[in-house]
Amino acid sequence: AKNTVYLEMNSLKPEDTGVYYCARRTSGA
């Protein structure tokens, strides 16, 4: 209804550092 996908991230670790992207599936599984 809000045209939004969310990602809740808990217990974050240094190795989680990075640029986070969302994208639409166009093929594959």
mmCIF file of all heavy atoms, coordinates in Angstrom:
data_MODEL
# 
_entry.id   MODEL 
# 
loop_
_atom_site.group_PDB 
_atom_site.id 
_atom_site.type_symbol 
_atom_site.label_atom_id 
_atom_site.label_alt_id 
_atom_site.label_comp_id 
_atom_site.label_asym_id 
_atom_site.label_entity_id 
_atom_site.label_seq_id 
_atom_site.pdbx_PDB_ins_code 
_atom_site.Cartn_x 
_atom_site.Cartn_y 
_atom_site.Cartn_z 
_atom_site.occupancy 
_atom_site.B_iso_or_equiv 
_atom_site.pdbx_formal_charge 
_atom_site.auth_seq_id 
_atom_site.auth_comp_id 
_atom_site.auth_asym_id 
_atom_site.auth_atom_id 
_atom_site.pdbx_PDB_model_num 
ATOM 1   N N   . ALA A 1 1  ? 0.821  -1.204  0.000   1.00 0.00 ? 1  ALA A N   1 
ATOM 2   C CA  . ALA A 1 1  ? 0.000  0.000   0.000   1.00 0.00 ? 1  ALA A CA  1 
ATOM 3   C C   . ALA A 1 1  ? 0.857  1.256   0.000   1.00 0.00 ? 1  ALA A C   1 
ATOM 4   O O   . ALA A 1 1  ? 0.444  2.301   -0.500  1.00 0.00 ? 1  ALA A O   1 
ATOM 5   C CB  . ALA A 1 1  ? -0.943 0.006   1.195   1.00 0.00 ? 1  ALA A CB  1 
ATOM 6   N N   . LYS A 1 2  ? 2.046  1.153   0.583   1.00 0.00 ? 2  LYS A N   1 
ATOM 7   C CA  . LYS A 1 2  ? 2.981  2.270   0.615   1.00 0.00 ? 2  LYS A CA  1 
ATOM 8   C C   . LYS A 1 2  ? 4.063  2.152   -0.452  1.00 0.00 ? 2  LYS A C   1 
ATOM 9   O O   . LYS A 1 2  ? 4.969  2.981   -0.502  1.00 0.00 ? 2  LYS A O   1 
ATOM 10  C CB  . LYS A 1 2  ? 3.637  2.376   1.991   1.00 0.00 ? 2  LYS A CB  1 
ATOM 11  C CG  . LYS A 1 2  ? 2.668  2.719   3.104   1.00 0.00 ? 2  LYS A CG  1 
ATOM 12  C CD  . LYS A 1 2  ? 3.389  2.873   4.432   1.00 0.00 ? 2  LYS A CD  1 
ATOM 13  C CE  . LYS A 1 2  ? 2.432  3.285   5.526   1.00 0.00 ? 2  LYS A CE  1 
ATOM 14  N NZ  . LYS A 1 2  ? 3.124  3.442   6.833   1.00 0.00 ? 2  LYS A NZ  1 
ATOM 15  N N   . ASN A 1 3  ? 3.975  1.111   -1.267  1.00 0.00 ? 3  ASN A N   1 
ATOM 16  C CA  . ASN A 1 3  ? 4.950  0.893   -2.333  1.00 0.00 ? 3  ASN A CA  1 
ATOM 17  C C   . ASN A 1 3  ? 6.372  0.837   -1.783  1.00 0.00 ? 3  ASN A C   1 
ATOM 18  O O   . ASN A 1 3  ? 7.313  1.372   -2.381  1.00 0.00 ? 3  ASN A O   1 
ATOM 19  C CB  . ASN A 1 3  ? 4.852  1.990   -3.400  1.00 0.00 ? 3  ASN A CB  1 
ATOM 20  C CG  . ASN A 1 3  ? 4.442  1.461   -4.757  1.00 0.00 ? 3  ASN A CG  1 
ATOM 21  O OD1 . ASN A 1 3  ? 3.892  0.365   -4.889  1.00 0.00 ? 3  ASN A OD1 1 
ATOM 22  N ND2 . ASN A 1 3  ? 4.704  2.248   -5.795  1.00 0.00 ? 3  ASN A ND2 1 
ATOM 23  N N   . THR A 1 4  ? 6.523  0.153   -0.661  1.00 0.00 ? 4  THR A N   1 
ATOM 24  C CA  . THR A 1 4  ? 7.806  0.151   0.035   1.00 0.00 ? 4  THR A CA  1 
ATOM 25  C C   . THR A 1 4  ? 8.163  -1.243  0.534   1.00 0.00 ? 4  THR A C   1 
ATOM 26  O O   . THR A 1 4  ? 7.307  -1.964  1.042   1.00 0.00 ? 4  THR A O   1 
ATOM 27  C CB  . THR A 1 4  ? 7.785  1.119   1.222   1.00 0.00 ? 4  THR A CB  1 
ATOM 28  O OG1 . THR A 1 4  ? 7.442  2.434   0.758   1.00 0.00 ? 4  THR A OG1 1 
ATOM 29  C CG2 . THR A 1 4  ? 9.138  1.181   1.901   1.00 0.00 ? 4  THR A CG2 1 
ATOM 30  N N   . VAL A 1 5  ? 9.422  -1.595  0.383   1.00 0.00 ? 5  VAL A N   1 
ATOM 31  C CA  . VAL A 1 5  ? 10.006 -2.782  0.990   1.00 0.00 ? 5  VAL A CA  1 
ATOM 32  C C   . VAL A 1 5  ? 10.947 -2.324  2.087   1.00 0.00 ? 5  VAL A C   1 
ATOM 33  O O   . VAL A 1 5  ? 11.684 -1.349  1.919   1.00 0.00 ? 5  VAL A O   1 
ATOM 34  C CB  . VAL A 1 5  ? 10.748 -3.641  -0.048  1.00 0.00 ? 5  VAL A CB  1 
ATOM 35  C CG1 . VAL A 1 5  ? 11.552 -4.745  0.632   1.00 0.00 ? 5  VAL A CG1 1 
ATOM 36  C CG2 . VAL A 1 5  ? 9.756  -4.254  -1.030  1.00 0.00 ? 5  VAL A CG2 1 
ATOM 37  N N   . TYR A 1 6  ? 10.927 -3.027  3.205   1.00 0.00 ? 6  TYR A N   1 
ATOM 38  C CA  . TYR A 1 6  ? 11.750 -2.663  4.351   1.00 0.00 ? 6  TYR A CA  1 
ATOM 39  C C   . TYR A 1 6  ? 12.772 -3.743  4.657   1.00 0.00 ? 6  TYR A C   1 
ATOM 40  O O   . TYR A 1 6  ? 12.569 -4.923  4.358   1.00 0.00 ? 6  TYR A O   1 
ATOM 41  C CB  . TYR A 1 6  ? 10.884 -2.450  5.590   1.00 0.00 ? 6  TYR A CB  1 
ATOM 42  C CG  . TYR A 1 6  ? 9.839  -1.380  5.431   1.00 0.00 ? 6  TYR A CG  1 
ATOM 43  C CD1 . TYR A 1 6  ? 8.518  -1.710  5.143   1.00 0.00 ? 6  TYR A CD1 1 
ATOM 44  C CD2 . TYR A 1 6  ? 10.170 -0.034  5.562   1.00 0.00 ? 6  TYR A CD2 1 
ATOM 45  C CE1 . TYR A 1 6  ? 7.556  -0.735  4.998   1.00 0.00 ? 6  TYR A CE1 1 
ATOM 46  C CE2 . TYR A 1 6  ? 9.211  0.950   5.412   1.00 0.00 ? 6  TYR A CE2 1 
ATOM 47  C CZ  . TYR A 1 6  ? 7.907  0.598   5.130   1.00 0.00 ? 6  TYR A CZ  1 
ATOM 48  O OH  . TYR A 1 6  ? 6.946  1.576   4.983   1.00 0.00 ? 6  TYR A OH  1 
ATOM 49  N N   . LEU A 1 7  ? 13.839 -3.326  5.280   1.00 0.00 ? 7  LEU A N   1 
ATOM 50  C CA  . LEU A 1 7  ? 14.841 -4.249  5.785   1.00 0.00 ? 7  LEU A CA  1 
ATOM 51  C C   . LEU A 1 7  ? 15.221 -3.817  7.189   1.00 0.00 ? 7  LEU A C   1 
ATOM 52  O O   . LEU A 1 7  ? 15.847 -2.774  7.372   1.00 0.00 ? 7  LEU A O   1 
ATOM 53  C CB  . LEU A 1 7  ? 16.084 -4.268  4.887   1.00 0.00 ? 7  LEU A CB  1 
ATOM 54  C CG  . LEU A 1 7  ? 17.184 -5.224  5.335   1.00 0.00 ? 7  LEU A CG  1 
ATOM 55  C CD1 . LEU A 1 7  ? 16.748 -6.670  5.107   1.00 0.00 ? 7  LEU A CD1 1 
ATOM 56  C CD2 . LEU A 1 7  ? 18.488 -4.936  4.603   1.00 0.00 ? 7  LEU A CD2 1 
ATOM 57  N N   . GLU A 1 8  ? 14.821 -4.619  8.166   1.00 0.00 ? 8  GLU A N   1 
ATOM 58  C CA  . GLU A 1 8  ? 15.203 -4.373  9.548   1.00 0.00 ? 8  GLU A CA  1 
ATOM 59  C C   . GLU A 1 8  ? 16.480 -5.141  9.843   1.00 0.00 ? 8  GLU A C   1 
ATOM 60  O O   . GLU A 1 8  ? 16.527 -6.354  9.647   1.00 0.00 ? 8  GLU A O   1 
ATOM 61  C CB  . GLU A 1 8  ? 14.091 -4.799  10.500  1.00 0.00 ? 8  GLU A CB  1 
ATOM 62  C CG  . GLU A 1 8  ? 14.404 -4.529  11.955  1.00 0.00 ? 8  GLU A CG  1 
ATOM 63  C CD  . GLU A 1 8  ? 13.309 -4.981  12.898  1.00 0.00 ? 8  GLU A CD  1 
ATOM 64  O OE1 . GLU A 1 8  ? 12.247 -5.420  12.419  1.00 0.00 ? 8  GLU A OE1 1 
ATOM 65  O OE2 . GLU A 1 8  ? 13.513 -4.894  14.122  1.00 0.00 ? 8  GLU A OE2 1 
ATOM 66  N N   . MET A 1 9  ? 17.484 -4.441  10.295  1.00 0.00 ? 9  MET A N   1 
ATOM 67  C CA  . MET A 1 9  ? 18.779 -5.038  10.573  1.00 0.00 ? 9  MET A CA  1 
ATOM 68  C C   . MET A 1 9  ? 19.089 -4.884  12.048  1.00 0.00 ? 9  MET A C   1 
ATOM 69  O O   . MET A 1 9  ? 19.129 -3.766  12.572  1.00 0.00 ? 9  MET A O   1 
ATOM 70  C CB  . MET A 1 9  ? 19.865 -4.375  9.729   1.00 0.00 ? 9  MET A CB  1 
ATOM 71  C CG  . MET A 1 9  ? 19.585 -4.405  8.229   1.00 0.00 ? 9  MET A CG  1 
ATOM 72  S SD  . MET A 1 9  ? 20.963 -3.764  7.255   1.00 0.00 ? 9  MET A SD  1 
ATOM 73  C CE  . MET A 1 9  ? 20.965 -2.049  7.791   1.00 0.00 ? 9  MET A CE  1 
ATOM 74  N N   . ASN A 1 10 ? 19.299 -5.995  12.712  1.00 0.00 ? 10 ASN A N   1 
ATOM 75  C CA  . ASN A 1 10 ? 19.624 -6.016  14.129  1.00 0.00 ? 10 ASN A CA  1 
ATOM 76  C C   . ASN A 1 10 ? 20.967 -6.696  14.345  1.00 0.00 ? 10 ASN A C   1 
ATOM 77  O O   . ASN A 1 10 ? 21.467 -7.409  13.481  1.00 0.00 ? 10 ASN A O   1 
ATOM 78  C CB  . ASN A 1 10 ? 18.539 -6.752  14.916  1.00 0.00 ? 10 ASN A CB  1 
ATOM 79  C CG  . ASN A 1 10 ? 17.182 -6.108  14.802  1.00 0.00 ? 10 ASN A CG  1 
ATOM 80  O OD1 . ASN A 1 10 ? 17.045 -4.902  14.986  1.00 0.00 ? 10 ASN A OD1 1 
ATOM 81  N ND2 . ASN A 1 10 ? 16.161 -6.900  14.509  1.00 0.00 ? 10 ASN A ND2 1 
ATOM 82  N N   . SER A 1 11 ? 21.521 -6.486  15.517  1.00 0.00 ? 11 SER A N   1 
ATOM 83  C CA  . SER A 1 11 ? 22.800 -7.102  15.887  1.00 0.00 ? 11 SER A CA  1 
ATOM 84  C C   . SER A 1 11 ? 23.849 -6.896  14.806  1.00 0.00 ? 11 SER A C   1 
ATOM 85  O O   . SER A 1 11 ? 24.540 -7.826  14.391  1.00 0.00 ? 11 SER A O   1 
ATOM 86  C CB  . SER A 1 11 ? 22.601 -8.596  16.168  1.00 0.00 ? 11 SER A CB  1 
ATOM 87  O OG  . SER A 1 11 ? 21.670 -8.800  17.204  1.00 0.00 ? 11 SER A OG  1 
ATOM 88  N N   . LEU A 1 12 ? 23.968 -5.678  14.359  1.00 0.00 ? 12 LEU A N   1 
ATOM 89  C CA  . LEU A 1 12 ? 24.862 -5.377  13.249  1.00 0.00 ? 12 LEU A CA  1 
ATOM 90  C C   . LEU A 1 12 ? 26.319 -5.604  13.615  1.00 0.00 ? 12 LEU A C   1 
ATOM 91  O O   . LEU A 1 12 ? 26.738 -5.363  14.752  1.00 0.00 ? 12 LEU A O   1 
ATOM 92  C CB  . LEU A 1 12 ? 24.651 -3.947  12.780  1.00 0.00 ? 12 LEU A CB  1 
ATOM 93  C CG  . LEU A 1 12 ? 23.380 -3.748  11.948  1.00 0.00 ? 12 LEU A CG  1 
ATOM 94  C CD1 . LEU A 1 12 ? 23.003 -2.280  11.869  1.00 0.00 ? 12 LEU A CD1 1 
ATOM 95  C CD2 . LEU A 1 12 ? 23.576 -4.326  10.551  1.00 0.00 ? 12 LEU A CD2 1 
ATOM 96  N N   . LYS A 1 13 ? 27.065 -6.066  12.634  1.00 0.00 ? 13 LYS A N   1 
ATOM 97  C CA  . LYS A 1 13 ? 28.473 -6.378  12.778  1.00 0.00 ? 13 LYS A CA  1 
ATOM 98  C C   . LYS A 1 13 ? 29.288 -5.518  11.828  1.00 0.00 ? 13 LYS A C   1 
ATOM 99  O O   . LYS A 1 13 ? 28.779 -5.072  10.799  1.00 0.00 ? 13 LYS A O   1 
ATOM 100 C CB  . LYS A 1 13 ? 28.722 -7.856  12.463  1.00 0.00 ? 13 LYS A CB  1 
ATOM 101 C CG  . LYS A 1 13 ? 27.889 -8.827  13.269  1.00 0.00 ? 13 LYS A CG  1 
ATOM 102 C CD  . LYS A 1 13 ? 28.095 -10.248 12.779  1.00 0.00 ? 13 LYS A CD  1 
ATOM 103 C CE  . LYS A 1 13 ? 27.255 -11.235 13.555  1.00 0.00 ? 13 LYS A CE  1 
ATOM 104 N NZ  . LYS A 1 13 ? 27.449 -12.624 13.064  1.00 0.00 ? 13 LYS A NZ  1 
ATOM 105 N N   . PRO A 1 14 ? 30.564 -5.296  12.128  1.00 0.00 ? 14 PRO A N   1 
ATOM 106 C CA  . PRO A 1 14 ? 31.396 -4.527  11.204  1.00 0.00 ? 14 PRO A CA  1 
ATOM 107 C C   . PRO A 1 14 ? 31.392 -5.086  9.786   1.00 0.00 ? 14 PRO A C   1 
ATOM 108 O O   . PRO A 1 14 ? 31.452 -4.310  8.827   1.00 0.00 ? 14 PRO A O   1 
ATOM 109 C CB  . PRO A 1 14 ? 32.786 -4.610  11.838  1.00 0.00 ? 14 PRO A CB  1 
ATOM 110 C CG  . PRO A 1 14 ? 32.507 -4.735  13.295  1.00 0.00 ? 14 PRO A CG  1 
ATOM 111 C CD  . PRO A 1 14 ? 31.277 -5.604  13.385  1.00 0.00 ? 14 PRO A CD  1 
ATOM 112 N N   . GLU A 1 15 ? 31.304 -6.394  9.643   1.00 0.00 ? 15 GLU A N   1 
ATOM 113 C CA  . GLU A 1 15 ? 31.292 -6.988  8.320   1.00 0.00 ? 15 GLU A CA  1 
ATOM 114 C C   . GLU A 1 15 ? 30.008 -6.728  7.543   1.00 0.00 ? 15 GLU A C   1 
ATOM 115 O O   . GLU A 1 15 ? 29.918 -7.069  6.364   1.00 0.00 ? 15 GLU A O   1 
ATOM 116 C CB  . GLU A 1 15 ? 31.565 -8.501  8.390   1.00 0.00 ? 15 GLU A CB  1 
ATOM 117 C CG  . GLU A 1 15 ? 30.661 -9.245  9.354   1.00 0.00 ? 15 GLU A CG  1 
ATOM 118 C CD  . GLU A 1 15 ? 31.310 -9.478  10.705  1.00 0.00 ? 15 GLU A CD  1 
ATOM 119 O OE1 . GLU A 1 15 ? 31.951 -8.547  11.235  1.00 0.00 ? 15 GLU A OE1 1 
ATOM 120 O OE2 . GLU A 1 15 ? 31.190 -10.606 11.237  1.00 0.00 ? 15 GLU A OE2 1 
ATOM 121 N N   . ASP A 1 16 ? 29.013 -6.136  8.189   1.00 0.00 ? 16 ASP A N   1 
ATOM 122 C CA  . ASP A 1 16 ? 27.802 -5.721  7.491   1.00 0.00 ? 16 ASP A CA  1 
ATOM 123 C C   . ASP A 1 16 ? 27.982 -4.392  6.767   1.00 0.00 ? 16 ASP A C   1 
ATOM 124 O O   . ASP A 1 16 ? 27.092 -3.972  6.027   1.00 0.00 ? 16 ASP A O   1 
ATOM 125 C CB  . ASP A 1 16 ? 26.629 -5.594  8.468   1.00 0.00 ? 16 ASP A CB  1 
ATOM 126 C CG  . ASP A 1 16 ? 26.211 -6.925  9.062   1.00 0.00 ? 16 ASP A CG  1 
ATOM 127 O OD1 . ASP A 1 16 ? 26.170 -7.932  8.323   1.00 0.00 ? 16 ASP A OD1 1 
ATOM 128 O OD2 . ASP A 1 16 ? 25.906 -6.957  10.267  1.00 0.00 ? 16 ASP A OD2 1 
ATOM 129 N N   . THR A 1 17 ? 29.095 -3.739  6.982   1.00 0.00 ? 17 THR A N   1 
ATOM 130 C CA  . THR A 1 17 ? 29.355 -2.446  6.363   1.00 0.00 ? 17 THR A CA  1 
ATOM 131 C C   . THR A 1 17 ? 29.353 -2.553  4.842   1.00 0.00 ? 17 THR A C   1 
ATOM 132 O O   . THR A 1 17 ? 29.931 -3.475  4.269   1.00 0.00 ? 17 THR A O   1 
ATOM 133 C CB  . THR A 1 17 ? 30.697 -1.890  6.843   1.00 0.00 ? 17 THR A CB  1 
ATOM 134 O OG1 . THR A 1 17 ? 30.610 -1.594  8.238   1.00 0.00 ? 17 THR A OG1 1 
ATOM 135 C CG2 . THR A 1 17 ? 31.069 -0.617  6.096   1.00 0.00 ? 17 THR A CG2 1 
ATOM 136 N N   . GLY A 1 18 ? 28.711 -1.608  4.195   1.00 0.00 ? 18 GLY A N   1 
ATOM 137 C CA  . GLY A 1 18 ? 28.689 -1.573  2.747   1.00 0.00 ? 18 GLY A CA  1 
ATOM 138 C C   . GLY A 1 18 ? 27.568 -0.686  2.244   1.00 0.00 ? 18 GLY A C   1 
ATOM 139 O O   . GLY A 1 18 ? 26.827 -0.085  3.018   1.00 0.00 ? 18 GLY A O   1 
ATOM 140 N N   . VAL A 1 19 ? 27.468 -0.616  0.940   1.00 0.00 ? 19 VAL A N   1 
ATOM 141 C CA  . VAL A 1 19 ? 26.371 0.092   0.304   1.00 0.00 ? 19 VAL A CA  1 
ATOM 142 C C   . VAL A 1 19 ? 25.252 -0.903  0.046   1.00 0.00 ? 19 VAL A C   1 
ATOM 143 O O   . VAL A 1 19 ? 25.479 -1.955  -0.557  1.00 0.00 ? 19 VAL A O   1 
ATOM 144 C CB  . VAL A 1 19 ? 26.805 0.761   -1.008  1.00 0.00 ? 19 VAL A CB  1 
ATOM 145 C CG1 . VAL A 1 19 ? 25.630 1.486   -1.654  1.00 0.00 ? 19 VAL A CG1 1 
ATOM 146 C CG2 . VAL A 1 19 ? 27.951 1.730   -0.759  1.00 0.00 ? 19 VAL A CG2 1 
ATOM 147 N N   . TYR A 1 20 ? 24.067 -0.582  0.496   1.00 0.00 ? 20 TYR A N   1 
ATOM 148 C CA  . TYR A 1 20 ? 22.921 -1.478  0.390   1.00 0.00 ? 20 TYR A CA  1 
ATOM 149 C C   . TYR A 1 20 ? 21.997 -1.022  -0.727  1.00 0.00 ? 20 TYR A C   1 
ATOM 150 O O   . TYR A 1 20 ? 21.652 0.160   -0.824  1.00 0.00 ? 20 TYR A O   1 
ATOM 151 C CB  . TYR A 1 20 ? 22.171 -1.528  1.716   1.00 0.00 ? 20 TYR A CB  1 
ATOM 152 C CG  . TYR A 1 20 ? 22.854 -2.402  2.738   1.00 0.00 ? 20 TYR A CG  1 
ATOM 153 C CD1 . TYR A 1 20 ? 24.110 -2.068  3.234   1.00 0.00 ? 20 TYR A CD1 1 
ATOM 154 C CD2 . TYR A 1 20 ? 22.257 -3.577  3.195   1.00 0.00 ? 20 TYR A CD2 1 
ATOM 155 C CE1 . TYR A 1 20 ? 24.756 -2.875  4.149   1.00 0.00 ? 20 TYR A CE1 1 
ATOM 156 C CE2 . TYR A 1 20 ? 22.892 -4.387  4.121   1.00 0.00 ? 20 TYR A CE2 1 
ATOM 157 C CZ  . TYR A 1 20 ? 24.142 -4.034  4.593   1.00 0.00 ? 20 TYR A CZ  1 
ATOM 158 O OH  . TYR A 1 20 ? 24.776 -4.838  5.514   1.00 0.00 ? 20 TYR A OH  1 
ATOM 159 N N   . TYR A 1 21 ? 21.609 -1.975  -1.559  1.00 0.00 ? 21 TYR A N   1 
ATOM 160 C CA  . TYR A 1 21 ? 20.779 -1.712  -2.719  1.00 0.00 ? 21 TYR A CA  1 
ATOM 161 C C   . TYR A 1 21 ? 19.545 -2.600  -2.709  1.00 0.00 ? 21 TYR A C   1 
ATOM 162 O O   . TYR A 1 21 ? 19.586 -3.732  -2.232  1.00 0.00 ? 21 TYR A O   1 
ATOM 163 C CB  . TYR A 1 21 ? 21.527 -2.014  -4.017  1.00 0.00 ? 21 TYR A CB  1 
ATOM 164 C CG  . TYR A 1 21 ? 22.811 -1.262  -4.235  1.00 0.00 ? 21 TYR A CG  1 
ATOM 165 C CD1 . TYR A 1 21 ? 24.014 -1.764  -3.767  1.00 0.00 ? 21 TYR A CD1 1 
ATOM 166 C CD2 . TYR A 1 21 ? 22.811 -0.067  -4.934  1.00 0.00 ? 21 TYR A CD2 1 
ATOM 167 C CE1 . TYR A 1 21 ? 25.200 -1.086  -3.986  1.00 0.00 ? 21 TYR A CE1 1 
ATOM 168 C CE2 . TYR A 1 21 ? 23.993 0.617   -5.164  1.00 0.00 ? 21 TYR A CE2 1 
ATOM 169 C CZ  . TYR A 1 21 ? 25.181 0.098   -4.686  1.00 0.00 ? 21 TYR A CZ  1 
ATOM 170 O OH  . TYR A 1 21 ? 26.354 0.775   -4.913  1.00 0.00 ? 21 TYR A OH  1 
ATOM 171 N N   . CYS A 1 22 ? 18.475 -2.104  -3.282  1.00 0.00 ? 22 CYS A N   1 
ATOM 172 C CA  . CYS A 1 22 ? 17.345 -2.943  -3.627  1.00 0.00 ? 22 CYS A CA  1 
ATOM 173 C C   . CYS A 1 22 ? 17.181 -2.936  -5.141  1.00 0.00 ? 22 CYS A C   1 
ATOM 174 O O   . CYS A 1 22 ? 17.635 -2.022  -5.828  1.00 0.00 ? 22 CYS A O   1 
ATOM 175 C CB  . CYS A 1 22 ? 16.052 -2.495  -2.937  1.00 0.00 ? 22 CYS A CB  1 
ATOM 176 S SG  . CYS A 1 22 ? 15.499 -0.812  -3.304  1.00 0.00 ? 22 CYS A SG  1 
ATOM 177 N N   . ALA A 1 23 ? 16.571 -3.987  -5.664  1.00 0.00 ? 23 ALA A N   1 
ATOM 178 C CA  . ALA A 1 23 ? 16.385 -4.108  -7.097  1.00 0.00 ? 23 ALA A CA  1 
ATOM 179 C C   . ALA A 1 23 ? 15.225 -5.048  -7.385  1.00 0.00 ? 23 ALA A C   1 
ATOM 180 O O   . ALA A 1 23 ? 14.810 -5.839  -6.538  1.00 0.00 ? 23 ALA A O   1 
ATOM 181 C CB  . ALA A 1 23 ? 17.659 -4.623  -7.768  1.00 0.00 ? 23 ALA A CB  1 
ATOM 182 N N   . ARG A 1 24 ? 14.717 -4.965  -8.596  1.00 0.00 ? 24 ARG A N   1 
ATOM 183 C CA  . ARG A 1 24 ? 13.606 -5.789  -9.046  1.00 0.00 ? 24 ARG A CA  1 
ATOM 184 C C   . ARG A 1 24 ? 14.105 -7.034  -9.756  1.00 0.00 ? 24 ARG A C   1 
ATOM 185 O O   . ARG A 1 24 ? 15.011 -6.964  -10.590 1.00 0.00 ? 24 ARG A O   1 
ATOM 186 C CB  . ARG A 1 24 ? 12.729 -4.967  -9.999  1.00 0.00 ? 24 ARG A CB  1 
ATOM 187 C CG  . ARG A 1 24 ? 11.744 -5.789  -10.817 1.00 0.00 ? 24 ARG A CG  1 
ATOM 188 C CD  . ARG A 1 24 ? 11.205 -4.975  -11.984 1.00 0.00 ? 24 ARG A CD  1 
ATOM 189 N NE  . ARG A 1 24 ? 10.608 -5.827  -13.001 1.00 0.00 ? 24 ARG A NE  1 
ATOM 190 C CZ  . ARG A 1 24 ? 10.175 -5.411  -14.178 1.00 0.00 ? 24 ARG A CZ  1 
ATOM 191 N NH1 . ARG A 1 24 ? 10.259 -4.123  -14.503 1.00 0.00 ? 24 ARG A NH1 1 
ATOM 192 N NH2 . ARG A 1 24 ? 9.643  -6.266  -15.050 1.00 0.00 ? 24 ARG A NH2 1 
ATOM 193 N N   . ARG A 1 25 ? 13.505 -8.164  -9.449  1.00 0.00 ? 25 ARG A N   1 
ATOM 194 C CA  . ARG A 1 25 ? 13.803 -9.389  -10.168 1.00 0.00 ? 25 ARG A CA  1 
ATOM 195 C C   . ARG A 1 25 ? 13.262 -9.321  -11.581 1.00 0.00 ? 25 ARG A C   1 
ATOM 196 O O   . ARG A 1 25 ? 12.111 -8.943  -11.792 1.00 0.00 ? 25 ARG A O   1 
ATOM 197 C CB  . ARG A 1 25 ? 13.199 -10.593 -9.447  1.00 0.00 ? 25 ARG A CB  1 
ATOM 198 C CG  . ARG A 1 25 ? 13.384 -11.915 -10.189 1.00 0.00 ? 25 ARG A CG  1 
ATOM 199 C CD  . ARG A 1 25 ? 12.561 -13.034 -9.561  1.00 0.00 ? 25 ARG A CD  1 
ATOM 200 N NE  . ARG A 1 25 ? 12.624 -14.242 -10.362 1.00 0.00 ? 25 ARG A NE  1 
ATOM 201 C CZ  . ARG A 1 25 ? 11.816 -14.498 -11.393 1.00 0.00 ? 25 ARG A CZ  1 
ATOM 202 N NH1 . ARG A 1 25 ? 10.876 -13.624 -11.729 1.00 0.00 ? 25 ARG A NH1 1 
ATOM 203 N NH2 . ARG A 1 25 ? 11.951 -15.623 -12.074 1.00 0.00 ? 25 ARG A NH2 1 
ATOM 204 N N   . THR A 1 26 ? 14.090 -9.687  -12.552 1.00 0.00 ? 26 THR A N   1 
ATOM 205 C CA  . THR A 1 26 ? 13.679 -9.733  -13.948 1.00 0.00 ? 26 THR A CA  1 
ATOM 206 C C   . THR A 1 26 ? 13.823 -11.115 -14.564 1.00 0.00 ? 26 THR A C   1 
ATOM 207 O O   . THR A 1 26 ? 13.270 -11.366 -15.638 1.00 0.00 ? 26 THR A O   1 
ATOM 208 C CB  . THR A 1 26 ? 14.473 -8.730  -14.793 1.00 0.00 ? 26 THR A CB  1 
ATOM 209 O OG1 . THR A 1 26 ? 15.876 -9.024  -14.705 1.00 0.00 ? 26 THR A OG1 1 
ATOM 210 C CG2 . THR A 1 26 ? 14.233 -7.304  -14.320 1.00 0.00 ? 26 THR A CG2 1 
ATOM 211 N N   . SER A 1 27 ? 14.557 -12.002 -13.933 1.00 0.00 ? 27 SER A N   1 
ATOM 212 C CA  . SER A 1 27 ? 14.773 -13.343 -14.443 1.00 0.00 ? 27 SER A CA  1 
ATOM 213 C C   . SER A 1 27 ? 15.291 -14.224 -13.323 1.00 0.00 ? 27 SER A C   1 
ATOM 214 O O   . SER A 1 27 ? 15.512 -13.754 -12.206 1.00 0.00 ? 27 SER A O   1 
ATOM 215 C CB  . SER A 1 27 ? 15.758 -13.337 -15.617 1.00 0.00 ? 27 SER A CB  1 
ATOM 216 O OG  . SER A 1 27 ? 17.037 -12.885 -15.204 1.00 0.00 ? 27 SER A OG  1 
ATOM 217 N N   . GLY A 1 28 ? 15.478 -15.497 -13.631 1.00 0.00 ? 28 GLY A N   1 
ATOM 218 C CA  . GLY A 1 28 ? 16.095 -16.401 -12.679 1.00 0.00 ? 28 GLY A CA  1 
ATOM 219 C C   . GLY A 1 28 ? 15.107 -16.988 -11.688 1.00 0.00 ? 28 GLY A C   1 
ATOM 220 O O   . GLY A 1 28 ? 13.891 -16.929 -11.850 1.00 0.00 ? 28 GLY A O   1 
ATOM 221 N N   . ALA A 1 29 ? 15.659 -17.564 -10.638 1.00 0.00 ? 29 ALA A N   1 
ATOM 222 C CA  . ALA A 1 29 ? 14.871 -18.278 -9.650  1.00 0.00 ? 29 ALA A CA  1 
ATOM 223 C C   . ALA A 1 29 ? 13.901 -17.367 -8.924  1.00 0.00 ? 29 ALA A C   1 
ATOM 224 O O   . ALA A 1 29 ? 14.196 -16.205 -8.637  1.00 0.00 ? 29 ALA A O   1 
ATOM 225 C CB  . ALA A 1 29 ? 15.801 -18.958 -8.653  1.00 0.00 ? 29 ALA A CB  1 
# 
